[in-house]
Amino acid sequence: MSVPVQPPEARVASEHPEAAGYRAGRTLPLRVEAMRQLRRRRTLLMGGVLAALPFILIIAFAIGGTPDGEDGGGGQGGGSRINLMDVATESAANFAATSLFVSAGFLLVIPVALFCGDTVASEASWSSLRYLLAAPVPRVRLLWSKLVVALGFSLAAMVLLPVVALAAGTAAYGWGPLKLPTGGALSAGDTVPRLALVVAFIFVSQLVTAGLAFWLSTKTDAPLGAVGGAVFLTIVGNVLDAVTALGSWRDFLPAHWQFAWADALQPQLEWGGMIKGAAVSVTYALILFALAFRGFSRKDIVS
C-alpha cells in the first residue's frame, strides 16, 4: 500500500499552519473588534445615558418652565457669544442644539475617553493582550483596529445625542426653523446640515481627548487610569483656558475653541474659529497617536 507523498509546501503548511495564507492585514478585522466592543456593558450603558439626556432635559423644562440661563459659551475666536438655553423649547432644532450645548463641555468627553482609553488597557488588565499578539496580530494592526473602532464608537455617541434630541424635541416642541437668540432664524432646510457640521466639529475637537486616552491606554494596565487621566487633563485644559492672564497663549489650547461651533448657528456661517480649533485639535491628536504607536511598538508586553 503506497503512502501519498505531500509536496514540500503542503508539509510546511501542516507543520506551520500560521504560515499558510497568513496576511497581517486580515488579523483582528474591524468587524470582529467592533462586535467585541459593542457587546460590552460600558458601551450599552454609555449609549443609554446619552439617549436618556434629551428626555431628562424635557422633563426639567416642563417642571421649571421656560428656560432662562446666563450667557453661555460661544465661538471663541469666531462669532458672537450666544445662549441657546433662552430658545431651547422653540423647536426640535433648538432643543437638539441646546442638548449639544449642555453636553459638549464635559458629558461628550466621557464616551471619547472611555472608548479610547479602555481599549488597549482593558486587554492588558485581562491578561489577553499578549495572546492577541501571539495569534499573531502585528502590533500596528492591533492598535490601528482598536483606534478606528474606538473613534467610530465615539462618533456614534456624538451622533446619537442630537438624533434622539431631534426626535424627542419634535414630539415635545414640534418641527420648525432654528431660532437664534441673537435674532433671526435658520430655515428648516438648513437646520440639519448645520447641526451635522456642529457634530463634526465637536468630534474633531474631542480628538485631543481621544489621543490622550489612547496614549495612556498603551502606557498602563489600568483602564480607569487611562480614562481618568484623559478626563483630568481635559479638565486642566479647560481651567487653563479660563486664566485670562495667559492672553494669546490660550489660542494654543484645544479647550479655547471647544465652543467655536456656535459660529455654525449664525445666519451667516463663519469658518474662522472652527478652522483654527480643528487645526489645533488635529495637531495635538496626531502627535499623541504617534506617541502611542511608537511607544507600543517598543513596549515589552508581559500582560
Protein backbone atom coordinates (compact mmCIF):
# COMPACT_ATOMS: atom_id res chain seq x y z
CA MET A 1 0.00 0.00 0.00
CA SER A 2 1.59 3.21 -1.15
CA VAL A 3 1.69 6.24 1.07
CA PRO A 4 0.95 9.52 -0.69
CA VAL A 5 3.83 11.93 -0.58
CA GLN A 6 2.93 15.51 0.29
CA PRO A 7 4.58 18.29 -1.64
CA PRO A 8 7.03 20.41 0.36
CA GLU A 9 4.70 23.41 0.54
CA ALA A 10 1.90 21.21 1.94
CA ARG A 11 4.20 19.78 4.59
CA VAL A 12 5.31 23.28 5.58
CA ALA A 13 1.67 24.38 5.82
CA SER A 14 0.76 21.40 8.01
CA GLU A 15 3.78 21.85 10.27
CA HIS A 16 3.45 25.64 10.43
CA PRO A 17 -0.23 26.48 9.94
CA GLU A 18 0.41 30.12 10.79
CA ALA A 19 2.32 30.48 7.50
CA ALA A 20 -0.48 29.10 5.34
CA GLY A 21 -2.39 32.03 3.85
CA TYR A 22 -1.29 34.37 6.62
CA ARG A 23 -1.96 38.01 5.89
CA ALA A 24 -1.20 40.61 8.55
CA GLY A 25 -3.94 42.87 7.21
CA ARG A 26 -6.57 40.19 7.82
CA THR A 27 -5.87 39.79 11.51
CA LEU A 28 -8.26 41.29 14.05
CA PRO A 29 -10.83 42.55 11.49
CA LEU A 30 -12.63 45.77 12.31
CA ARG A 31 -15.96 43.93 12.32
CA VAL A 32 -14.74 41.50 14.98
CA GLU A 33 -13.32 44.26 17.17
CA ALA A 34 -16.47 46.35 16.75
CA MET A 35 -18.70 43.46 17.85
CA ARG A 36 -16.47 42.82 20.86
CA GLN A 37 -16.76 46.43 21.94
CA LEU A 38 -20.47 46.66 21.17
CA ARG A 39 -21.32 43.77 23.48
CA ARG A 40 -19.51 45.31 26.43
CA ARG A 41 -21.63 46.63 29.27
CA ARG A 42 -19.98 50.03 29.37
CA THR A 43 -20.87 50.62 25.71
CA LEU A 44 -24.55 49.89 26.32
CA LEU A 45 -24.54 51.97 29.50
CA MET A 46 -22.97 54.96 27.77
CA GLY A 47 -25.46 54.74 24.93
CA GLY A 48 -28.32 54.60 27.41
CA VAL A 49 -27.10 57.70 29.25
CA LEU A 50 -26.77 59.74 26.07
CA ALA A 51 -30.16 58.60 24.79
CA ALA A 52 -31.79 59.48 28.11
CA LEU A 53 -30.35 63.00 28.36
CA PRO A 54 -32.86 64.67 25.97
CA PHE A 55 -35.78 63.22 27.90
CA ILE A 56 -34.27 64.42 31.17
CA LEU A 57 -33.99 67.93 29.70
CA ILE A 58 -37.60 67.85 28.50
CA ILE A 59 -38.76 66.88 31.99
CA ALA A 60 -36.57 69.61 33.52
CA PHE A 61 -38.02 72.25 31.18
CA ALA A 62 -41.55 71.03 31.89
CA ILE A 63 -41.01 71.28 35.63
CA GLY A 64 -39.01 74.50 35.64
CA GLY A 65 -40.91 76.36 32.94
CA THR A 66 -39.33 78.44 30.19
CA PRO A 67 -35.54 78.04 30.09
CA ASP A 68 -33.67 81.05 31.35
CA GLY A 69 -29.91 80.77 31.60
CA GLU A 70 -26.92 83.01 31.82
CA ASP A 71 -24.73 83.76 28.87
CA GLY A 72 -23.00 80.56 27.84
CA GLY A 73 -20.05 79.57 25.73
CA GLY A 74 -19.87 80.97 22.25
CA GLY A 75 -17.49 80.76 19.37
CA GLN A 76 -14.13 81.81 20.76
CA GLY A 77 -12.06 83.41 18.12
CA GLY A 78 -15.09 83.44 15.79
CA GLY A 79 -18.67 84.62 16.07
CA SER A 80 -20.63 86.28 18.80
CA ARG A 81 -21.37 84.63 22.10
CA ILE A 82 -24.86 83.10 22.24
CA ASN A 83 -27.05 81.48 24.82
CA LEU A 84 -29.02 78.62 23.34
CA MET A 85 -30.82 77.97 26.64
CA ASP A 86 -33.03 81.02 26.04
CA VAL A 87 -34.58 79.43 22.94
CA ALA A 88 -34.29 75.74 23.82
CA THR A 89 -38.02 74.99 23.56
CA GLU A 90 -38.74 76.96 20.39
CA SER A 91 -38.40 73.93 18.10
CA ALA A 92 -36.85 70.48 17.81
CA ALA A 93 -33.79 72.03 16.17
CA ASN A 94 -33.33 74.44 19.05
CA PHE A 95 -33.71 71.61 21.52
CA ALA A 96 -31.09 69.48 19.70
CA ALA A 97 -28.66 72.41 19.61
CA THR A 98 -29.22 73.02 23.32
CA SER A 99 -28.61 69.35 24.10
CA LEU A 100 -25.25 69.60 22.33
CA PHE A 101 -24.52 72.89 24.11
CA VAL A 102 -25.02 71.49 27.62
CA SER A 103 -23.13 68.26 26.93
CA ALA A 104 -20.21 69.27 24.70
CA GLY A 105 -18.12 70.70 27.54
CA PHE A 106 -17.99 67.56 29.67
CA LEU A 107 -20.55 64.81 29.02
CA LEU A 108 -19.36 64.08 25.48
CA VAL A 109 -15.80 63.93 26.78
CA ILE A 110 -16.68 60.81 28.79
CA PRO A 111 -17.52 58.41 25.91
CA VAL A 112 -14.45 59.53 23.95
CA ALA A 113 -12.16 58.95 26.94
CA LEU A 114 -13.94 55.70 27.75
CA PHE A 115 -13.84 54.13 24.30
CA CYS A 116 -10.27 55.24 23.52
CA GLY A 117 -8.78 54.80 26.98
CA ASP A 118 -10.28 51.43 27.79
CA THR A 119 -9.49 49.70 24.51
CA VAL A 120 -5.84 48.57 24.98
CA ALA A 121 -5.56 48.84 28.76
CA SER A 122 -8.54 46.52 29.24
CA GLU A 123 -6.81 43.80 27.20
CA ALA A 124 -3.75 44.17 29.43
CA SER A 125 -5.85 44.05 32.60
CA TRP A 126 -7.50 40.83 31.36
CA SER A 127 -4.04 39.37 30.54
CA SER A 128 -5.21 38.78 26.97
CA LEU A 129 -3.02 41.33 25.21
CA ARG A 130 -0.01 39.05 24.83
CA TYR A 131 -2.24 36.28 23.47
CA LEU A 132 -3.61 38.62 20.81
CA LEU A 133 -0.07 39.47 19.77
CA ALA A 134 0.82 35.78 19.73
CA ALA A 135 -2.09 35.00 17.39
CA PRO A 136 -0.11 36.60 15.64
CA VAL A 137 -1.61 40.08 15.33
CA PRO A 138 1.03 42.69 14.42
CA ARG A 139 1.23 45.47 16.99
CA VAL A 140 0.50 48.22 14.48
CA ARG A 141 -2.51 46.29 13.19
CA LEU A 142 -3.82 45.74 16.71
CA LEU A 143 -3.54 49.42 17.60
CA TRP A 144 -4.98 50.52 14.28
CA SER A 145 -8.02 48.26 14.61
CA LYS A 146 -8.70 49.34 18.17
CA LEU A 147 -8.21 53.03 17.41
CA VAL A 148 -10.53 53.02 14.38
CA VAL A 149 -13.26 51.18 16.30
CA ALA A 150 -12.86 53.46 19.34
CA LEU A 151 -13.15 56.59 17.20
CA GLY A 152 -16.13 55.07 15.41
CA PHE A 153 -17.95 54.45 18.69
CA SER A 154 -17.04 57.97 19.86
CA LEU A 155 -18.55 59.46 16.71
CA ALA A 156 -21.63 57.25 17.09
CA ALA A 157 -22.11 58.57 20.64
CA MET A 158 -21.99 62.16 19.39
CA VAL A 159 -24.47 61.41 16.61
CA LEU A 160 -26.81 59.53 18.93
CA LEU A 161 -27.43 62.53 21.19
CA PRO A 162 -28.70 65.04 18.58
CA VAL A 163 -30.66 62.35 16.69
CA VAL A 164 -32.58 61.39 19.84
CA ALA A 165 -32.92 65.07 20.75
CA LEU A 166 -34.42 65.87 17.34
CA ALA A 167 -36.91 63.01 17.64
CA ALA A 168 -37.86 63.85 21.23
CA GLY A 169 -37.90 67.59 20.51
CA THR A 170 -40.21 67.11 17.52
CA ALA A 171 -42.67 65.26 19.74
CA ALA A 172 -42.42 67.82 22.55
CA TYR A 173 -41.99 71.14 20.74
CA GLY A 174 -42.70 70.49 17.07
CA TRP A 175 -40.54 70.84 13.98
CA GLY A 176 -39.57 74.29 12.78
CA PRO A 177 -36.72 76.67 11.99
CA LEU A 178 -33.82 77.06 14.37
CA LYS A 179 -34.41 80.38 16.11
CA LEU A 180 -31.28 82.22 17.15
CA PRO A 181 -31.02 84.09 20.46
CA THR A 182 -29.19 86.89 18.66
CA GLY A 183 -32.13 87.37 16.31
CA GLY A 184 -33.21 85.75 13.09
CA ALA A 185 -33.55 82.06 12.32
CA LEU A 186 -32.20 79.28 10.16
CA SER A 187 -34.68 77.69 7.81
CA ALA A 188 -35.75 74.12 8.43
CA GLY A 189 -33.83 73.05 5.33
CA ASP A 190 -30.56 74.49 6.67
CA THR A 191 -31.01 73.16 10.19
CA VAL A 192 -29.91 69.54 9.73
CA PRO A 193 -26.75 70.38 7.69
CA ARG A 194 -25.75 72.99 10.28
CA LEU A 195 -26.30 70.55 13.15
CA ALA A 196 -24.27 67.94 11.25
CA LEU A 197 -21.46 70.49 10.96
CA VAL A 198 -21.69 71.14 14.70
CA VAL A 199 -21.40 67.42 15.47
CA ALA A 200 -18.45 67.10 13.08
CA PHE A 201 -16.60 69.96 14.78
CA ILE A 202 -17.30 68.62 18.27
CA PHE A 203 -15.90 65.25 17.18
CA VAL A 204 -12.75 66.85 15.76
CA SER A 205 -12.31 68.98 18.89
CA GLN A 206 -12.52 65.83 21.02
CA LEU A 207 -9.68 64.15 19.11
CA VAL A 208 -7.29 65.60 21.69
CA THR A 209 -9.08 63.71 24.46
CA ALA A 210 -9.08 60.62 22.24
CA GLY A 211 -5.34 60.95 21.69
CA LEU A 212 -4.65 61.40 25.40
CA ALA A 213 -6.80 58.43 26.36
CA PHE A 214 -5.35 56.17 23.66
CA TRP A 215 -1.76 57.09 24.50
CA LEU A 216 -2.36 56.49 28.21
CA SER A 217 -4.07 53.20 27.36
CA THR A 218 -0.83 51.94 25.83
CA LYS A 219 1.11 53.01 28.91
CA THR A 220 -0.92 51.42 31.71
CA ASP A 221 -2.67 48.16 32.53
CA ALA A 222 -5.40 50.03 34.42
CA PRO A 223 -8.29 51.12 32.17
CA LEU A 224 -9.63 53.54 34.77
CA GLY A 225 -6.22 55.18 34.94
CA ALA A 226 -6.20 55.84 31.20
CA VAL A 227 -9.81 57.07 31.13
CA GLY A 228 -9.48 59.16 34.28
CA GLY A 229 -6.14 60.59 33.19
CA ALA A 230 -7.57 61.76 29.87
CA VAL A 231 -10.61 63.34 31.56
CA PHE A 232 -8.40 65.00 34.18
CA LEU A 233 -6.04 66.50 31.59
CA THR A 234 -9.04 67.73 29.58
CA ILE A 235 -10.38 69.46 32.68
CA VAL A 236 -6.95 71.00 33.29
CA GLY A 237 -7.08 72.40 29.77
CA ASN A 238 -10.46 73.97 30.49
CA VAL A 239 -9.14 75.50 33.70
CA LEU A 240 -6.11 76.97 31.93
CA ASP A 241 -8.34 78.45 29.25
CA ALA A 242 -10.23 80.30 31.99
CA VAL A 243 -7.00 82.02 33.08
CA THR A 244 -7.25 85.22 31.07
CA ALA A 245 -3.77 86.24 32.18
CA LEU A 246 -2.40 83.75 29.65
CA GLY A 247 -3.57 86.06 26.90
CA SER A 248 -2.89 84.84 23.37
CA TRP A 249 -1.28 81.66 24.70
CA ARG A 250 -4.80 80.33 25.19
CA ASP A 251 -5.14 80.12 21.41
CA PHE A 252 -2.91 77.04 21.56
CA LEU A 253 -5.26 75.27 23.99
CA PRO A 254 -7.84 72.97 22.39
CA ALA A 255 -10.31 73.97 25.12
CA HIS A 256 -10.21 77.57 23.91
CA TRP A 257 -12.03 76.56 20.72
CA GLN A 258 -14.44 73.94 22.06
CA PHE A 259 -17.50 76.17 21.52
CA ALA A 260 -16.39 77.62 18.18
CA TRP A 261 -19.16 75.50 16.63
CA ALA A 262 -21.56 78.27 17.70
CA ASP A 263 -20.37 80.07 14.55
CA ALA A 264 -22.25 77.43 12.55
CA LEU A 265 -25.51 78.55 14.18
CA GLN A 266 -25.34 82.10 12.87
CA PRO A 267 -27.35 83.49 9.92
CA GLN A 268 -24.04 83.85 8.09
CA LEU A 269 -21.84 80.78 8.52
CA GLU A 270 -18.39 81.71 9.85
CA TRP A 271 -15.47 79.30 9.47
CA GLY A 272 -12.59 81.17 11.14
CA GLY A 273 -12.90 79.86 14.69
CA MET A 274 -13.78 76.32 13.64
CA ILE A 275 -10.83 76.07 11.26
CA LYS A 276 -8.40 77.30 13.93
CA GLY A 277 -9.88 74.98 16.55
CA ALA A 278 -9.79 71.99 14.21
CA ALA A 279 -6.16 72.69 13.30
CA VAL A 280 -5.11 72.85 16.96
CA SER A 281 -7.01 69.68 17.88
CA VAL A 282 -5.79 67.63 14.92
CA THR A 283 -2.17 68.69 15.54
CA TYR A 284 -2.25 67.58 19.17
CA ALA A 285 -4.12 64.38 18.29
CA LEU A 286 -1.64 63.33 15.60
CA ILE A 287 1.26 63.83 18.00
CA LEU A 288 -0.44 61.77 20.72
CA PHE A 289 -1.43 58.98 18.32
CA ALA A 290 2.14 58.86 17.01
CA LEU A 291 3.49 58.60 20.57
CA ALA A 292 1.06 55.75 21.26
CA PHE A 293 2.13 53.75 18.20
CA ARG A 294 5.83 54.43 18.77
CA GLY A 295 5.77 53.53 22.45
CA PHE A 296 3.64 50.41 22.00
CA SER A 297 5.84 49.08 19.18
CA ARG A 298 8.82 49.07 21.58
CA LYS A 299 6.99 48.03 24.73
CA ASP A 300 7.71 44.73 26.45
CA ILE A 301 4.26 43.10 26.66
CA VAL A 302 4.01 40.87 29.71
CA SER A 303 0.26 41.08 30.44
